[in-house]
Amino acid sequence: MNTKYNTSRSLHRVVVRLAVVVACLSCSSARAQILTFQISGSTGLLYDTVGYAFTVKQDPLSVHRLGVNDVGGDGLDSMNIIGLWGEGGSSLATAILPSGRSAPLESGFRWFDLSTPVLLSANTTYRLGVQANLETRASGFVTDPISPYVNLVGAVRNNQQQNFTYPGSAPFSGQAIVGPNMAFTVVPEPSIAHLVVSTAIALFAFRFFKRMMPRQRRVPVRWKGRRL
């Protein structure tokens, strides 16, 4: 039996299987997520910029879409302006969704694709807000949790009607005014990304050197003149 040949095949199988496992882990972490809400009330805010503050947990998030809820999926009553801010008021992204049904509808929200994704840092607080109209007010308040990757801080607003601005009020703890939403992917941890790259390099290097090396011919074993 050619031990070197069998060892080579076994090593190749192990490397391939490891690459598949790592790729699956990477794909699962990159799956798109949105914030989900369980409605538990209503609010009568008139055209303020309303929403909620949230804190990103241990994994950074890459936000690629902003959305606003469309009750009944029958089209937005009016134009909606959505914003994503840092906790200090710095604007990170803004989206304008027209009235009607032209914006794509998914999971009860109309969506706007950002031209450049926004990276949200781990253990950092941000705010999402939308200039409210009749439809967003009808959705009301919700309770935590809204995502496995975010902690809800509380509902926020401004008091400048007809003026889209940073919702800078102190968060109303444990609740959120539904309206704005975001679609995001979880950024893989550096260790996982490094493992993916290292595994890929090892796999390609192994296959390259295997092709370069001459194949080992199996030497027949004979016993008493007979080939085994």
Protein backbone atom coordinates (compact mmCIF):
# COMPACT_ATOMS: atom_id res chain seq x y z
CA MET A 1 0.00 0.00 0.00
CA ASN A 2 1.30 3.49 -0.90
CA THR A 3 1.10 5.31 2.42
CA LYS A 4 2.24 8.64 0.96
CA TYR A 5 -0.50 8.53 -1.69
CA ASN A 6 -3.26 7.77 0.83
CA THR A 7 -1.99 10.45 3.22
CA SER A 8 -2.04 12.98 0.38
CA ARG A 9 -5.64 12.14 -0.52
CA SER A 10 -6.74 12.33 3.13
CA LEU A 11 -5.09 15.70 3.59
CA HIS A 12 -6.73 17.00 0.45
CA ARG A 13 -10.15 15.89 1.69
CA VAL A 14 -9.62 17.55 5.08
CA VAL A 15 -8.62 20.85 3.46
CA VAL A 16 -11.59 20.79 1.09
CA ARG A 17 -14.05 20.04 3.90
CA LEU A 18 -12.58 22.80 6.06
CA ALA A 19 -12.92 25.27 3.19
CA VAL A 20 -16.59 24.30 2.74
CA VAL A 21 -17.34 24.71 6.47
CA VAL A 22 -15.63 28.10 6.64
CA ALA A 23 -17.43 29.28 3.49
CA CYS A 24 -20.78 28.27 4.99
CA LEU A 25 -20.01 30.20 8.18
CA SER A 26 -19.05 33.24 6.18
CA CYS A 27 -22.22 33.06 4.04
CA SER A 28 -24.49 32.71 7.05
CA SER A 29 -22.97 35.79 8.69
CA ALA A 30 -23.42 37.76 5.45
CA ARG A 31 -27.14 37.00 5.13
CA ALA A 32 -29.28 40.16 4.95
CA GLN A 33 -31.20 41.08 8.11
CA ILE A 34 -33.83 43.69 8.99
CA LEU A 35 -35.26 44.94 12.27
CA THR A 36 -38.56 43.31 13.23
CA PHE A 37 -41.34 44.81 15.33
CA GLN A 38 -44.24 43.67 17.49
CA ILE A 39 -46.73 46.56 17.51
CA SER A 40 -48.28 47.33 20.90
CA GLY A 41 -49.93 50.75 20.62
CA SER A 42 -50.27 53.97 18.65
CA THR A 43 -49.10 57.58 18.75
CA GLY A 44 -50.49 60.90 17.53
CA LEU A 45 -47.26 62.68 16.60
CA LEU A 46 -47.82 65.04 13.66
CA TYR A 47 -45.11 65.24 11.00
CA ASP A 48 -42.22 65.23 13.47
CA THR A 49 -39.11 63.21 12.69
CA VAL A 50 -39.67 60.09 14.79
CA GLY A 51 -37.96 56.75 15.29
CA TYR A 52 -35.70 55.08 17.82
CA ALA A 53 -32.19 54.83 19.17
CA PHE A 54 -30.42 51.47 19.14
CA THR A 55 -27.03 50.08 20.12
CA VAL A 56 -25.14 47.64 17.88
CA LYS A 57 -24.04 44.55 19.80
CA GLN A 58 -20.67 42.81 19.46
CA ASP A 59 -20.67 42.49 15.65
CA PRO A 60 -20.31 45.49 13.30
CA LEU A 61 -23.14 45.91 10.78
CA SER A 62 -23.07 47.01 7.15
CA VAL A 63 -26.30 48.89 6.30
CA HIS A 64 -27.19 48.81 2.59
CA ARG A 65 -30.90 49.79 2.61
CA LEU A 66 -33.21 52.17 4.45
CA GLY A 67 -36.95 51.55 4.55
CA VAL A 68 -40.28 52.79 5.84
CA ASN A 69 -43.33 50.72 6.75
CA ASP A 70 -46.25 50.50 4.33
CA VAL A 71 -49.35 49.46 6.27
CA GLY A 72 -51.35 47.04 4.14
CA GLY A 73 -48.80 47.17 1.31
CA ASP A 74 -51.05 49.47 -0.71
CA GLY A 75 -48.51 52.22 -1.30
CA LEU A 76 -47.18 55.11 0.80
CA ASP A 77 -49.57 57.97 1.53
CA SER A 78 -46.91 60.61 0.87
CA MET A 79 -43.19 61.12 0.35
CA ASN A 80 -41.06 59.86 3.25
CA ILE A 81 -37.59 61.07 4.26
CA ILE A 82 -35.55 58.58 6.29
CA GLY A 83 -32.29 59.24 8.12
CA LEU A 84 -29.58 57.34 9.96
CA TRP A 85 -27.49 59.31 12.46
CA GLY A 86 -24.71 58.80 14.94
CA GLU A 87 -25.69 59.42 18.55
CA GLY A 88 -24.08 62.86 18.42
CA GLY A 89 -26.24 63.96 15.48
CA SER A 90 -23.85 63.30 12.58
CA SER A 91 -25.79 62.27 9.46
CA LEU A 92 -24.68 58.88 8.09
CA ALA A 93 -27.32 58.25 5.39
CA THR A 94 -30.53 59.76 4.04
CA ALA A 95 -33.17 58.22 1.77
CA ILE A 96 -36.25 59.69 0.09
CA LEU A 97 -39.09 57.32 -0.70
CA PRO A 98 -41.83 58.64 -3.02
CA SER A 99 -45.52 58.19 -2.40
CA GLY A 100 -47.28 55.25 -4.02
CA ARG A 101 -45.89 51.83 -4.88
CA SER A 102 -42.78 52.57 -6.93
CA ALA A 103 -40.34 51.61 -4.15
CA PRO A 104 -39.90 47.83 -3.70
CA LEU A 105 -42.00 46.25 -0.93
CA GLU A 106 -40.47 43.54 1.27
CA SER A 107 -41.56 42.36 4.73
CA GLY A 108 -44.05 45.21 5.04
CA PHE A 109 -41.53 47.98 4.27
CA ARG A 110 -40.74 50.07 1.19
CA TRP A 111 -36.98 50.18 0.57
CA PHE A 112 -34.32 52.52 -0.81
CA ASP A 113 -30.91 51.07 -1.81
CA LEU A 114 -27.95 53.10 -0.56
CA SER A 115 -25.27 53.78 -3.16
CA THR A 116 -22.58 53.17 -0.51
CA PRO A 117 -23.18 50.87 2.49
CA VAL A 118 -22.76 52.43 5.94
CA LEU A 119 -20.64 50.58 8.51
CA LEU A 120 -22.00 50.66 12.06
CA SER A 121 -19.43 49.97 14.76
CA ALA A 122 -19.94 47.41 17.51
CA ASN A 123 -21.02 48.66 20.96
CA THR A 124 -22.07 52.02 19.50
CA THR A 125 -25.44 53.81 19.58
CA TYR A 126 -27.22 55.19 16.49
CA ARG A 127 -30.63 56.66 15.63
CA LEU A 128 -33.09 55.93 12.82
CA GLY A 129 -35.81 58.45 12.05
CA VAL A 130 -38.44 59.27 9.46
CA GLN A 131 -40.47 62.41 8.94
CA ALA A 132 -43.80 61.03 10.05
CA ASN A 133 -47.01 61.01 8.09
CA LEU A 134 -50.39 59.43 8.79
CA GLU A 135 -49.15 55.96 7.85
CA THR A 136 -46.07 55.83 10.07
CA ARG A 137 -48.00 57.23 13.05
CA ALA A 138 -50.57 54.46 12.69
CA SER A 139 -47.92 51.83 13.38
CA GLY A 140 -47.33 53.08 16.89
CA PHE A 141 -45.00 51.83 19.61
CA VAL A 142 -43.21 48.51 19.86
CA THR A 143 -41.16 46.67 22.43
CA ASP A 144 -37.72 45.05 22.44
CA PRO A 145 -36.21 42.88 20.99
CA ILE A 146 -36.06 44.12 17.39
CA SER A 147 -32.99 42.11 16.28
CA PRO A 148 -30.45 39.62 17.69
CA TYR A 149 -27.72 42.07 16.63
CA VAL A 150 -29.12 45.28 18.17
CA ASN A 151 -30.30 46.47 21.55
CA LEU A 152 -33.21 48.90 21.50
CA VAL A 153 -32.53 52.04 23.56
CA GLY A 154 -35.87 53.79 23.12
CA ALA A 155 -38.19 55.96 21.04
CA VAL A 156 -36.88 59.35 19.88
CA ARG A 157 -38.33 62.38 18.07
CA ASN A 158 -37.93 66.08 17.37
CA ASN A 159 -40.64 68.70 17.72
CA GLN A 160 -40.09 70.56 14.45
CA GLN A 161 -43.12 69.77 12.31
CA GLN A 162 -42.60 69.78 8.53
CA ASN A 163 -38.82 69.88 9.11
CA PHE A 164 -36.76 66.73 8.69
CA THR A 165 -34.06 66.89 11.38
CA TYR A 166 -32.12 64.73 13.83
CA PRO A 167 -34.53 63.22 16.40
CA GLY A 168 -32.56 64.44 19.38
CA SER A 169 -34.95 63.90 22.28
CA ALA A 170 -33.94 61.67 25.16
CA PRO A 171 -34.92 58.07 24.30
CA PHE A 172 -38.21 56.85 25.73
CA SER A 173 -36.82 53.68 27.27
CA GLY A 174 -37.93 50.26 26.01
CA GLN A 175 -40.06 51.47 23.11
CA ALA A 176 -39.65 52.53 19.48
CA ILE A 177 -41.86 54.49 17.09
CA VAL A 178 -42.22 52.27 14.04
CA GLY A 179 -41.68 53.77 10.64
CA PRO A 180 -38.00 53.63 9.70
CA ASN A 181 -36.09 50.40 9.22
CA MET A 182 -32.73 49.27 7.87
CA ALA A 183 -31.45 46.23 6.00
CA PHE A 184 -27.95 45.10 6.92
CA THR A 185 -25.44 42.29 6.94
CA VAL A 186 -23.28 41.23 9.85
CA VAL A 187 -19.60 41.91 9.20
CA PRO A 188 -17.55 38.73 9.78
CA GLU A 189 -15.11 38.83 12.67
CA PRO A 190 -11.46 39.35 11.64
CA SER A 191 -10.56 35.86 12.88
CA ILE A 192 -13.17 34.26 10.61
CA ALA A 193 -12.14 36.38 7.63
CA HIS A 194 -8.50 35.46 8.26
CA LEU A 195 -9.44 31.79 8.46
CA VAL A 196 -11.30 31.98 5.14
CA VAL A 197 -8.30 33.53 3.39
CA SER A 198 -5.80 31.17 5.01
CA THR A 199 -7.86 28.10 4.12
CA ALA A 200 -8.22 29.23 0.50
CA ILE A 201 -4.48 29.85 0.19
CA ALA A 202 -3.68 26.46 1.73
CA LEU A 203 -6.09 24.70 -0.61
CA PHE A 204 -4.72 26.32 -3.78
CA ALA A 205 -1.11 25.81 -2.68
CA PHE A 206 -1.75 22.15 -1.95
CA ARG A 207 -3.36 21.54 -5.35
CA PHE A 208 -0.58 23.47 -7.15
CA PHE A 209 2.25 21.49 -5.57
CA LYS A 210 0.36 18.25 -6.08
CA ARG A 211 0.24 18.93 -9.82
CA MET A 212 3.93 19.87 -9.92
CA MET A 213 5.11 16.73 -8.14
CA PRO A 214 5.51 13.51 -10.17
CA ARG A 215 2.92 10.88 -9.41
CA GLN A 216 4.04 7.98 -7.31
CA ARG A 217 3.59 4.69 -9.11
CA ARG A 218 2.43 1.88 -6.96
CA VAL A 219 4.99 -0.92 -6.79
CA PRO A 220 3.38 -4.37 -6.93
CA VAL A 221 4.08 -6.62 -3.99
CA ARG A 222 5.00 -10.23 -4.79
CA TRP A 223 5.06 -13.25 -2.54
CA LYS A 224 6.40 -16.56 -3.77
CA GLY A 225 6.30 -15.29 -7.32
CA ARG A 226 2.67 -14.21 -7.14
CA ARG A 227 1.48 -10.64 -7.43
CA LEU A 228 -0.64 -9.46 -4.51
